[in-house]
Amino acid sequence: MAATTVVAVVSSVLDSLPQLAAIHPFLLTHHWFDFAEFLRIEVDWGVLGSGLAVQAGWFAVFAALAWGRFTTADVTS
């Protein structure tokens, strides 16, 4: 749980620095509010799609890390 909080805070800090504008589209927190498109009368599917793509990428990274950790853990003892 602490790692999740650290990733969110670091991503927010990196997203606030204009010198790092090149990596902003790939940050976890940059697209958090893209899901508000569901609340609009006319949904912009491009914004929603880019947000979902970034979130899916981050999910794949963290799922792979969790899978690697769980397969090497000794859960029988």
Protein backbone atom coordinates (compact mmCIF):
# COMPACT_ATOMS: atom_id res chain seq x y z
CA MET A 1 0.00 0.00 0.00
CA ALA A 2 2.88 2.33 0.72
CA ALA A 3 4.31 1.75 -2.76
CA THR A 4 0.99 2.73 -4.33
CA THR A 5 0.97 5.99 -2.41
CA VAL A 6 4.60 6.70 -3.29
CA VAL A 7 3.94 6.09 -7.00
CA ALA A 8 0.92 8.42 -6.93
CA VAL A 9 2.81 11.19 -5.12
CA VAL A 10 5.89 10.93 -7.34
CA SER A 11 3.72 10.89 -10.45
CA SER A 12 1.88 14.01 -9.24
CA VAL A 13 5.13 15.84 -8.55
CA LEU A 14 6.58 14.90 -11.94
CA ASP A 15 3.33 15.96 -13.61
CA SER A 16 3.58 19.42 -12.05
CA LEU A 17 7.06 20.13 -13.42
CA PRO A 18 6.87 21.86 -16.82
CA GLN A 19 10.46 20.83 -17.64
CA LEU A 20 9.27 17.23 -17.87
CA ALA A 21 6.46 17.91 -20.34
CA ALA A 22 7.75 15.12 -22.59
CA ILE A 23 6.81 12.43 -20.06
CA HIS A 24 3.49 13.93 -18.90
CA PRO A 25 1.32 11.85 -21.27
CA PHE A 26 2.77 8.65 -19.79
CA LEU A 27 2.32 9.52 -16.12
CA LEU A 28 -0.32 7.80 -14.04
CA THR A 29 -1.82 10.97 -12.58
CA HIS A 30 -1.89 12.98 -15.81
CA HIS A 31 -4.97 11.14 -17.08
CA TRP A 32 -6.87 10.63 -13.81
CA PHE A 33 -9.63 13.08 -14.68
CA ASP A 34 -10.13 11.75 -18.21
CA PHE A 35 -12.85 9.48 -16.85
CA ALA A 36 -14.97 12.58 -16.23
CA GLU A 37 -15.78 12.38 -19.95
CA PHE A 38 -18.49 9.87 -19.00
CA LEU A 39 -20.31 12.73 -17.25
CA ARG A 40 -20.44 14.96 -20.32
CA ILE A 41 -23.35 15.10 -22.73
CA GLU A 42 -21.05 14.55 -25.71
CA VAL A 43 -18.27 12.17 -24.74
CA ASP A 44 -14.88 12.82 -26.33
CA TRP A 45 -13.82 9.23 -27.06
CA GLY A 46 -10.27 10.28 -27.99
CA VAL A 47 -9.59 11.67 -24.52
CA LEU A 48 -11.26 8.71 -22.88
CA GLY A 49 -9.35 6.24 -25.05
CA SER A 50 -5.97 7.79 -24.30
CA GLY A 51 -6.72 7.75 -20.58
CA LEU A 52 -7.78 4.11 -20.70
CA ALA A 53 -4.66 3.19 -22.70
CA VAL A 54 -2.32 4.77 -20.16
CA GLN A 55 -4.16 3.19 -17.24
CA ALA A 56 -4.05 -0.22 -18.97
CA GLY A 57 -0.30 0.16 -19.49
CA TRP A 58 0.28 0.95 -15.83
CA PHE A 59 -1.98 -1.93 -14.83
CA ALA A 60 0.09 -4.31 -16.98
CA VAL A 61 3.33 -3.09 -15.39
CA PHE A 62 2.09 -3.47 -11.83
CA ALA A 63 0.32 -6.76 -12.55
CA ALA A 64 3.57 -8.17 -13.96
CA LEU A 65 5.46 -7.00 -10.87
CA ALA A 66 2.86 -8.56 -8.58
CA TRP A 67 2.86 -11.80 -10.55
CA GLY A 68 6.64 -11.98 -10.33
CA ARG A 69 6.54 -11.39 -6.61
CA PHE A 70 3.81 -13.94 -5.95
CA THR A 71 5.45 -16.67 -8.01
CA THR A 72 8.70 -16.33 -6.06
CA ALA A 73 7.06 -16.08 -2.61
CA ASP A 74 6.98 -19.07 -0.31
CA VAL A 75 3.31 -19.33 0.59
CA THR A 76 3.39 -22.90 1.91
CA SER A 77 5.02 -22.10 5.27
